[in-house]
């Protein structure tokens, strides 16, 4: 979930809309995003047990997914994991506020990579870890909201090139986080003998 990389997408989706509508879409999208992420983080253990998935398998798959998003950001392209395809944008564009749900809240903001990362960090069952994950999600949602509502000013001041550089740095960080998740998953699977 990259506030700087997602701001140009948000600006493109809300182009030509008044400030009040733009603010409504941003706030609805981010409240819904936080609810989705909190639900997935809090129910991580239940979902793993329900589907018979081990934590290390989840870490391996999550590491690959997060690493893939990071790789695409590093290349300067959009990942279909991170950004919806044009046909999905057109389908969801029927209702103006409906775009807050899809594609903004899901899959753009609360996408698979974000959900996997949150579940991974909260899946060990410690309440303290869950609270840290929820606090981190809340801060990222708040930062994203601020970027969305001041996106045009940020782009004017910093320039599109600076936003592109930040996106690529975030891509590198995501690729490293994904690699670490993959290493941890493989190490846990080898230690468990499965």
Protein backbone atom coordinates (compact mmCIF):
# COMPACT_ATOMS: atom_id res chain seq x y z
CA UNK A 1 0.00 0.00 0.00
CA UNK A 2 1.94 2.94 -1.35
CA UNK A 3 0.35 6.37 -0.75
CA UNK A 4 2.67 8.12 -3.23
CA UNK A 5 2.26 5.56 -6.03
CA UNK A 6 -1.51 5.35 -5.57
CA UNK A 7 -2.08 9.13 -5.54
CA UNK A 8 -1.68 9.54 -9.33
CA UNK A 9 -4.14 6.66 -9.83
CA UNK A 10 -6.61 8.38 -7.50
CA UNK A 11 -6.14 11.69 -9.33
CA UNK A 12 -6.77 9.96 -12.64
CA UNK A 13 -9.96 8.32 -11.35
CA UNK A 14 -11.34 11.54 -9.85
CA UNK A 15 -10.24 13.90 -12.62
CA UNK A 16 -12.80 16.64 -13.23
CA UNK A 17 -14.69 16.04 -9.97
CA UNK A 18 -15.27 18.77 -7.39
CA UNK A 19 -13.35 18.84 -4.10
CA UNK A 20 -16.33 17.69 -2.01
CA UNK A 21 -16.89 14.56 -4.14
CA UNK A 22 -13.16 13.84 -4.24
CA UNK A 23 -12.95 14.08 -0.44
CA UNK A 24 -16.01 11.79 -0.06
CA UNK A 25 -14.50 9.18 -2.35
CA UNK A 26 -11.13 9.34 -0.54
CA UNK A 27 -12.64 9.07 2.95
CA UNK A 28 -15.03 6.25 1.99
CA UNK A 29 -12.26 4.32 0.25
CA UNK A 30 -9.84 4.60 3.17
CA UNK A 31 -12.36 3.78 5.90
CA UNK A 32 -13.35 0.68 3.94
CA UNK A 33 -9.68 -0.17 3.31
CA UNK A 34 -8.91 -0.02 7.03
CA UNK A 35 -11.92 -2.22 7.85
CA UNK A 36 -10.89 -4.82 5.25
CA UNK A 37 -7.26 -4.86 6.40
CA UNK A 38 -8.21 -5.02 10.09
CA UNK A 39 -10.60 -7.92 9.44
CA UNK A 40 -7.95 -9.88 7.54
CA UNK A 41 -5.25 -9.15 10.12
CA UNK A 42 -7.51 -10.10 13.04
CA UNK A 43 -8.82 -13.30 11.44
CA UNK A 44 -5.48 -14.48 10.07
CA UNK A 45 -5.16 -17.50 12.37
CA UNK A 46 -8.77 -18.54 11.81
CA UNK A 47 -8.41 -18.34 8.02
CA UNK A 48 -5.18 -20.35 8.10
CA UNK A 49 -6.78 -23.08 10.23
CA UNK A 50 -10.04 -23.07 8.26
CA UNK A 51 -8.26 -23.65 4.95
CA UNK A 52 -5.60 -25.95 6.43
CA UNK A 53 -2.78 -23.61 5.44
CA UNK A 54 0.48 -23.48 7.35
CA UNK A 55 1.99 -20.13 8.26
CA UNK A 56 5.18 -20.91 6.36
CA UNK A 57 3.23 -21.72 3.17
CA UNK A 58 1.40 -18.43 3.60
CA UNK A 59 4.72 -16.63 4.05
CA UNK A 60 6.17 -18.22 0.90
CA UNK A 61 3.13 -17.31 -1.23
CA UNK A 62 2.91 -13.87 0.36
CA UNK A 63 6.61 -13.26 -0.19
CA UNK A 64 6.27 -14.10 -3.88
CA UNK A 65 3.22 -11.85 -4.22
CA UNK A 66 4.71 -8.87 -2.36
CA UNK A 67 7.99 -9.31 -4.24
CA UNK A 68 6.11 -9.32 -7.57
CA UNK A 69 4.41 -6.01 -6.77
CA UNK A 70 7.77 -4.55 -5.73
CA UNK A 71 9.40 -5.80 -8.93
CA UNK A 72 6.75 -4.14 -11.09
CA UNK A 73 7.12 -0.86 -9.17
CA UNK A 74 10.90 -1.02 -9.65
CA UNK A 75 10.40 -1.44 -13.39
CA UNK A 76 8.17 1.63 -13.45
CA UNK A 77 5.15 -0.39 -14.50
CA UNK A 78 1.88 -1.28 -12.85
CA UNK A 79 1.27 -4.72 -11.46
CA UNK A 80 -2.14 -6.26 -12.10
CA UNK A 81 -1.88 -7.30 -8.44
CA UNK A 82 -1.59 -3.66 -7.43
CA UNK A 83 -3.54 -1.77 -10.10
CA UNK A 84 -6.78 -2.95 -11.70
CA UNK A 85 -7.05 -3.38 -15.45
CA UNK A 86 -8.88 -0.78 -17.54
CA UNK A 87 -11.94 -3.00 -18.07
CA UNK A 88 -12.37 -3.29 -14.28
CA UNK A 89 -12.16 0.49 -13.97
CA UNK A 90 -14.89 0.92 -16.60
CA UNK A 91 -17.15 -1.67 -14.98
CA UNK A 92 -16.83 -0.03 -11.56
CA UNK A 93 -17.12 3.51 -12.90
CA UNK A 94 -20.93 3.37 -13.14
CA UNK A 95 -21.43 5.01 -9.74
CA UNK A 96 -19.08 7.82 -8.74
CA UNK A 97 -18.92 6.87 -5.07
CA UNK A 98 -18.85 3.20 -6.08
CA UNK A 99 -15.26 3.69 -7.21
CA UNK A 100 -14.37 4.16 -3.55
CA UNK A 101 -15.21 0.47 -3.06
CA UNK A 102 -13.78 -0.83 -6.30
CA UNK A 103 -11.18 -0.26 -7.58
CA UNK A 104 -9.87 2.03 -4.80
CA UNK A 105 -10.49 0.15 -1.52
CA UNK A 106 -10.12 -3.21 -3.18
CA UNK A 107 -7.92 -4.21 -4.96
CA UNK A 108 -5.85 -0.99 -5.21
CA UNK A 109 -5.36 -0.17 -1.51
CA UNK A 110 -6.33 -3.38 0.30
CA UNK A 111 -4.82 -5.56 -2.37
CA UNK A 112 -3.49 -9.08 -1.97
CA UNK A 113 0.02 -7.92 -1.09
CA UNK A 114 -1.21 -5.64 1.70
CA UNK A 115 -3.57 -8.27 3.09
CA UNK A 116 -0.90 -10.98 3.00
CA UNK A 117 1.61 -8.72 4.75
CA UNK A 118 -0.86 -7.78 7.48
CA UNK A 119 -1.94 -11.37 8.06
CA UNK A 120 1.69 -12.49 8.08
CA UNK A 121 2.72 -10.04 10.80
CA UNK A 122 -0.42 -10.64 12.90
CA UNK A 123 -0.72 -14.42 12.42
CA UNK A 124 1.40 -15.47 15.39
CA UNK A 125 -1.55 -14.80 17.69
CA UNK A 126 0.03 -12.20 19.99
CA UNK A 127 -2.39 -9.38 20.72
CA UNK A 128 0.48 -6.88 20.84
CA UNK A 129 1.51 -7.73 17.27
CA UNK A 130 -2.09 -7.32 16.07
CA UNK A 131 -2.30 -3.89 17.73
CA UNK A 132 0.98 -2.83 16.10
CA UNK A 133 -0.28 -4.00 12.69
CA UNK A 134 -3.58 -2.16 13.15
CA UNK A 135 -1.78 1.01 14.25
CA UNK A 136 0.51 0.78 11.21
CA UNK A 137 -2.49 0.27 8.90
CA UNK A 138 -4.25 3.25 10.47
CA UNK A 139 -1.22 5.51 9.97
CA UNK A 140 -0.78 4.39 6.35
CA UNK A 141 -4.50 4.97 5.68
CA UNK A 142 -4.26 8.44 7.22
CA UNK A 143 -1.16 9.28 5.14
CA UNK A 144 -2.89 7.96 2.01
CA UNK A 145 -5.97 10.09 2.71
CA UNK A 146 -3.80 13.19 3.11
CA UNK A 147 -1.98 12.38 -0.15
CA UNK A 148 -5.26 11.82 -1.98
CA UNK A 149 -6.90 15.08 -0.91
CA UNK A 150 -3.76 17.11 -1.56
CA UNK A 151 -2.57 15.07 -4.54
CA UNK A 152 -2.73 17.83 -7.13
CA UNK A 153 -0.71 20.19 -4.91
CA UNK A 154 1.86 17.47 -4.13
CA UNK A 155 2.31 16.68 -7.83
CA UNK A 156 2.67 20.39 -8.65
CA UNK A 157 5.24 21.00 -5.89
CA UNK A 158 7.31 17.81 -6.11
CA UNK A 159 6.80 17.01 -9.76
CA UNK A 160 5.94 13.73 -11.44
CA UNK A 161 9.60 12.66 -11.58
CA UNK A 162 9.98 12.86 -7.80
CA UNK A 163 6.79 10.82 -7.33
CA UNK A 164 8.21 8.24 -9.77
CA UNK A 165 11.48 8.05 -7.78
CA UNK A 166 9.57 7.54 -4.51
CA UNK A 167 7.49 4.81 -6.15
CA UNK A 168 10.62 2.99 -7.28
CA UNK A 169 12.19 3.24 -3.83
CA UNK A 170 8.98 1.81 -2.39
CA UNK A 171 9.21 -0.93 -5.03
CA UNK A 172 12.70 -1.84 -3.81
CA UNK A 173 11.50 -1.92 -0.20
CA UNK A 174 8.54 -4.12 -1.17
CA UNK A 175 10.82 -6.47 -3.13
CA UNK A 176 13.09 -6.82 -0.07
CA UNK A 177 10.13 -7.38 2.28
CA UNK A 178 8.81 -10.04 -0.10
CA UNK A 179 12.22 -11.72 -0.27
CA UNK A 180 12.49 -11.75 3.53
CA UNK A 181 8.99 -13.27 3.83
CA UNK A 182 10.02 -15.93 1.29
CA UNK A 183 13.25 -16.72 3.19
CA UNK A 184 11.38 -16.93 6.51
CA UNK A 185 8.75 -19.21 4.99
CA UNK A 186 11.29 -21.57 3.43
CA UNK A 187 13.34 -21.66 6.63
CA UNK A 188 10.20 -22.48 8.70
CA UNK A 189 9.12 -25.16 6.19
CA UNK A 190 12.56 -26.84 6.27
CA UNK A 191 12.65 -26.69 10.09
CA UNK A 192 9.17 -28.24 10.26
CA UNK A 193 10.19 -30.99 7.82
CA UNK A 194 7.43 -30.16 5.36
